[in-house]
Amino acid sequence: MRLYINIDHVATVREARKTDEPDPVAAALLCQEAGADGITAHLREDRRHIQDHDVERLRAAAKVFNLELATSSDVINLACRLRPYQATLVPEKREEITTEGGLDLSQPNPRLRETIRRLEEVGVRVSLFIDPDIRVLDAAKDLGVPAIELHTGRYAHSWRDSDLALQQLHQASRHAADMGLAVHAGHGLTYTNVAPVAAIAEIEELNIGHSVVSRALMVGMKAAVTEMRKALTYAS
């Protein structure tokens, strides 16, 4: 099981003040030191958190870099120029707080096909962020990508009350693996709900961000205050 850490919300804190800290790249390096197998970042069309210069620096600093992106032409152009190890194509709406579901593959999407083609031509491994639905998985297979990422949002919202969403993840993972797709998963996974998903044999990679960044704020706060006290001491 590979663990990729999504560092978007380190940038969210930075962008609240439009300053230079906290630095997502510094956070990514710490994640790698702690054992993360890869770093994920989502360059949104509205640039609400991660910025273009972050992507350039992350491409250079991350051992394995997974760039999440929609089919916006300027973002695709940047991805083709920088060539991250992996590009995960996601749906995107300006008004959403976070990605609310998987790609809609129910209808032909020439733009999506062209995006996949362009990324693959420059050597980028492509994954599609999709809901755990058998028909959607079949459509993803038809697009010729090597990997999919299952949207775990429904599971994250319902796991305390029902195991239906977990069963769907099991079925979808098995179906995808049987078709030869690499299976990833993510969205809404936390320290309290991740274990049942991590136990699904076919899933080989998890992308987790908000929960880790939130936890880091708690477990690192004492150290941060101690360091500031030391800085004051040095100044006096």
Protein backbone atom coordinates (compact mmCIF):
# COMPACT_ATOMS: atom_id res chain seq x y z
CA MET A 1 0.00 0.00 0.00
CA ARG A 2 1.45 3.32 -1.10
CA LEU A 3 0.57 6.48 0.82
CA TYR A 4 0.51 9.75 -1.10
CA ILE A 5 -0.01 12.91 0.94
CA ASN A 6 -2.03 15.73 -0.60
CA ILE A 7 -0.53 19.02 0.56
CA ASP A 8 -3.19 21.36 -0.93
CA HIS A 9 -4.35 22.70 2.41
CA VAL A 10 -0.90 23.77 3.47
CA ALA A 11 -1.27 26.18 0.54
CA THR A 12 -4.80 27.03 1.70
CA VAL A 13 -3.39 28.41 4.94
CA ARG A 14 -0.73 30.36 3.06
CA GLU A 15 -3.24 31.85 0.62
CA ALA A 16 -5.40 33.10 3.50
CA ARG A 17 -2.73 35.75 4.03
CA LYS A 18 -1.16 35.77 0.54
CA THR A 19 2.26 35.38 2.09
CA ASP A 20 5.06 32.85 1.71
CA GLU A 21 4.29 30.54 4.63
CA PRO A 22 3.54 27.80 5.26
CA ASP A 23 5.41 26.52 2.23
CA PRO A 24 3.80 23.46 0.57
CA VAL A 25 7.16 22.30 -0.74
CA ALA A 26 8.71 22.34 2.73
CA ALA A 27 5.68 20.37 3.92
CA ALA A 28 6.14 17.88 1.09
CA LEU A 29 9.76 17.30 2.07
CA LEU A 30 8.71 16.62 5.67
CA CYS A 31 6.07 14.17 4.43
CA GLN A 32 8.71 12.30 2.48
CA GLU A 33 11.04 12.22 5.49
CA ALA A 34 8.18 10.68 7.49
CA GLY A 35 7.69 7.90 4.95
CA ALA A 36 5.20 9.18 2.39
CA ASP A 37 5.58 7.33 -0.90
CA GLY A 38 4.44 10.27 -2.99
CA ILE A 39 3.14 13.83 -2.93
CA THR A 40 -0.18 14.92 -4.44
CA ALA A 41 -1.29 18.46 -5.26
CA HIS A 42 -4.33 19.79 -7.14
CA LEU A 43 -3.75 22.76 -9.40
CA ARG A 44 -7.27 24.12 -9.70
CA GLU A 45 -8.40 26.40 -12.50
CA ASP A 46 -9.17 29.18 -9.99
CA ARG A 47 -5.80 28.71 -8.21
CA ARG A 48 -7.49 28.81 -4.80
CA HIS A 49 -4.60 27.07 -3.05
CA ILE A 50 -1.79 25.47 -5.07
CA GLN A 51 -0.15 27.90 -7.52
CA ASP A 52 1.80 27.30 -10.72
CA HIS A 53 5.12 28.03 -9.00
CA ASP A 54 4.26 25.43 -6.34
CA VAL A 55 3.81 22.81 -9.04
CA GLU A 56 7.16 23.68 -10.62
CA ARG A 57 8.93 23.38 -7.27
CA LEU A 58 7.08 20.22 -6.26
CA ARG A 59 7.99 18.57 -9.54
CA ALA A 60 11.65 19.13 -8.65
CA ALA A 61 11.41 18.31 -4.94
CA ALA A 62 9.04 15.33 -4.73
CA LYS A 63 10.40 11.85 -5.22
CA VAL A 64 7.09 10.88 -6.80
CA PHE A 65 4.69 13.66 -7.78
CA ASN A 66 1.00 13.14 -8.56
CA LEU A 67 -0.64 16.23 -10.06
CA GLU A 68 -4.43 16.43 -9.84
CA LEU A 69 -6.00 18.53 -12.56
CA ALA A 70 -9.07 19.06 -14.69
CA THR A 71 -9.02 19.60 -18.45
CA SER A 72 -8.35 23.35 -18.33
CA SER A 73 -5.98 24.10 -21.22
CA ASP A 74 -3.47 26.20 -19.25
CA VAL A 75 -3.18 23.54 -16.55
CA ILE A 76 -2.76 20.78 -19.13
CA ASN A 77 -0.06 22.80 -20.89
CA LEU A 78 1.82 23.17 -17.61
CA ALA A 79 1.51 19.44 -16.88
CA CYS A 80 2.80 18.54 -20.33
CA ARG A 81 5.77 20.86 -19.86
CA LEU A 82 6.69 19.66 -16.36
CA ARG A 83 5.78 15.99 -16.86
CA PRO A 84 4.98 14.80 -13.33
CA TYR A 85 5.15 11.08 -12.72
CA GLN A 86 1.35 10.86 -12.59
CA ALA A 87 -1.59 13.07 -13.55
CA THR A 88 -4.94 12.30 -11.96
CA LEU A 89 -7.79 13.84 -13.94
CA VAL A 90 -10.62 15.08 -11.74
CA PRO A 91 -13.90 16.95 -12.26
CA GLU A 92 -13.90 20.55 -11.16
CA LYS A 93 -16.55 23.18 -10.43
CA ARG A 94 -15.77 26.72 -9.34
CA GLU A 95 -18.48 26.79 -6.66
CA GLU A 96 -17.52 23.56 -4.90
CA ILE A 97 -15.53 23.55 -1.66
CA THR A 98 -13.80 20.31 -2.60
CA THR A 99 -14.17 17.69 -5.31
CA GLU A 100 -17.67 16.30 -4.84
CA GLY A 101 -17.60 13.19 -7.01
CA GLY A 102 -15.89 11.33 -9.79
CA LEU A 103 -15.64 12.13 -13.48
CA ASP A 104 -18.81 11.74 -15.51
CA LEU A 105 -17.96 9.13 -18.13
CA SER A 106 -21.54 8.41 -19.17
CA GLN A 107 -21.21 10.38 -22.41
CA PRO A 108 -18.41 10.65 -24.99
CA ASN A 109 -15.93 13.32 -23.93
CA PRO A 110 -13.54 14.28 -26.75
CA ARG A 111 -11.78 16.84 -24.56
CA LEU A 112 -11.01 14.21 -21.92
CA ARG A 113 -9.71 11.81 -24.57
CA GLU A 114 -7.50 14.54 -26.02
CA THR A 115 -6.15 15.39 -22.56
CA ILE A 116 -5.30 11.76 -21.90
CA ARG A 117 -3.57 11.51 -25.28
CA ARG A 118 -1.49 14.64 -24.69
CA LEU A 119 -0.36 13.55 -21.25
CA GLU A 120 0.53 10.04 -22.37
CA GLU A 121 2.47 11.38 -25.36
CA VAL A 122 4.89 13.18 -23.02
CA GLY A 123 5.27 10.14 -20.77
CA VAL A 124 2.88 11.01 -17.93
CA ARG A 125 1.02 8.14 -16.27
CA VAL A 126 -2.70 8.98 -16.27
CA SER A 127 -5.26 8.08 -13.61
CA LEU A 128 -8.96 8.94 -13.62
CA PHE A 129 -10.80 9.96 -10.44
CA ILE A 130 -14.12 8.13 -10.62
CA ASP A 131 -16.99 6.87 -8.49
CA PRO A 132 -16.97 3.16 -7.49
CA ASP A 133 -19.51 2.20 -10.14
CA ILE A 134 -19.04 -0.78 -12.45
CA ARG A 135 -20.31 1.07 -15.55
CA VAL A 136 -17.96 3.97 -14.89
CA LEU A 137 -15.07 1.56 -14.45
CA ASP A 138 -15.84 -0.05 -17.81
CA ALA A 139 -15.86 3.39 -19.43
CA ALA A 140 -12.51 4.20 -17.82
CA LYS A 141 -11.06 0.99 -19.19
CA ASP A 142 -12.26 1.94 -22.66
CA LEU A 143 -10.32 5.20 -22.39
CA GLY A 144 -7.12 3.19 -22.16
CA VAL A 145 -5.70 4.61 -18.93
CA PRO A 146 -3.51 2.42 -16.71
CA ALA A 147 -5.01 3.51 -13.39
CA ILE A 148 -8.12 4.79 -11.64
CA GLU A 149 -8.69 6.45 -8.28
CA LEU A 150 -11.91 5.50 -6.54
CA HIS A 151 -13.78 8.38 -4.92
CA THR A 152 -14.27 7.37 -1.27
CA GLY A 153 -16.47 10.33 -0.34
CA ARG A 154 -19.68 8.33 0.05
CA TYR A 155 -17.89 5.88 2.33
CA ALA A 156 -16.40 8.75 4.36
CA HIS A 157 -19.87 10.21 4.94
CA SER A 158 -21.68 6.97 5.79
CA TRP A 159 -19.20 4.51 7.29
CA ARG A 160 -20.52 4.87 10.85
CA ASP A 161 -24.08 3.98 9.82
CA SER A 162 -23.79 1.53 6.94
CA ASP A 163 -21.31 -0.77 5.25
CA LEU A 164 -22.92 -0.41 1.82
CA ALA A 165 -20.38 2.10 0.53
CA LEU A 166 -17.52 -0.10 1.73
CA GLN A 167 -19.04 -3.06 -0.11
CA GLN A 168 -19.20 -0.95 -3.27
CA LEU A 169 -15.53 -0.09 -2.88
CA HIS A 170 -14.70 -3.79 -2.54
CA GLN A 171 -16.69 -4.69 -5.65
CA ALA A 172 -15.33 -1.82 -7.71
CA SER A 173 -11.74 -2.54 -6.68
CA ARG A 174 -12.07 -6.19 -7.62
CA HIS A 175 -13.68 -5.36 -10.96
CA ALA A 176 -11.01 -2.78 -11.82
CA ALA A 177 -8.16 -5.10 -10.89
CA ASP A 178 -9.69 -7.93 -12.92
CA MET A 179 -9.59 -5.61 -15.96
CA GLY A 180 -5.92 -4.86 -15.36
CA LEU A 181 -6.36 -1.37 -13.93
CA ALA A 182 -4.19 -0.14 -11.06
CA VAL A 183 -6.53 0.81 -8.22
CA HIS A 184 -6.05 3.93 -6.11
CA ALA A 185 -8.50 5.53 -3.68
CA GLY A 186 -9.05 8.75 -1.81
CA HIS A 187 -11.28 11.55 -0.55
CA GLY A 188 -12.48 12.10 2.99
CA LEU A 189 -10.26 9.40 4.48
CA THR A 190 -9.26 10.05 8.08
CA TYR A 191 -7.36 8.37 10.91
CA THR A 192 -10.62 6.83 12.16
CA ASN A 193 -12.06 5.50 8.88
CA VAL A 194 -9.07 4.60 6.73
CA ALA A 195 -8.35 1.07 8.01
CA PRO A 196 -11.25 -0.75 6.25
CA VAL A 197 -10.31 0.87 2.93
CA ALA A 198 -6.62 0.13 3.40
CA ALA A 199 -7.58 -3.51 3.97
CA ILE A 200 -9.06 -3.87 0.46
CA ALA A 201 -6.52 -6.11 -1.24
CA GLU A 202 -6.79 -4.62 -4.72
CA ILE A 203 -6.14 -1.02 -3.64
CA GLU A 204 -2.46 -0.22 -4.00
CA GLU A 205 -2.40 3.53 -3.35
CA LEU A 206 -4.23 5.94 -1.05
CA ASN A 207 -4.30 9.72 -1.42
CA ILE A 208 -4.94 11.48 1.91
CA GLY A 209 -4.58 15.18 2.58
CA HIS A 210 -6.93 17.22 4.75
CA SER A 211 -6.91 14.82 7.69
CA VAL A 212 -3.12 14.67 7.77
CA VAL A 213 -2.73 18.45 7.52
CA SER A 214 -5.34 18.88 10.27
CA ARG A 215 -3.58 16.39 12.52
CA ALA A 216 -0.22 18.02 11.89
CA LEU A 217 -1.64 21.29 13.21
CA MET A 218 -2.50 19.54 16.49
CA VAL A 219 0.52 17.34 17.09
CA GLY A 220 2.97 20.00 15.94
CA MET A 221 1.56 23.01 17.81
CA LYS A 222 3.53 22.46 21.02
CA ALA A 223 6.79 22.22 19.12
CA ALA A 224 5.96 25.38 17.16
CA VAL A 225 5.22 27.40 20.31
CA THR A 226 8.39 26.08 21.99
CA GLU A 227 10.46 27.17 18.99
CA MET A 228 8.88 30.66 19.10
CA ARG A 229 9.70 30.95 22.81
CA LYS A 230 13.30 30.10 21.99
CA ALA A 231 13.34 32.71 19.25
CA LEU A 232 12.17 35.32 21.78
CA THR A 233 14.88 34.24 24.17
CA TYR A 234 17.56 34.61 21.53
CA ALA A 235 16.27 38.11 20.71
CA SER A 236 16.59 39.26 24.34
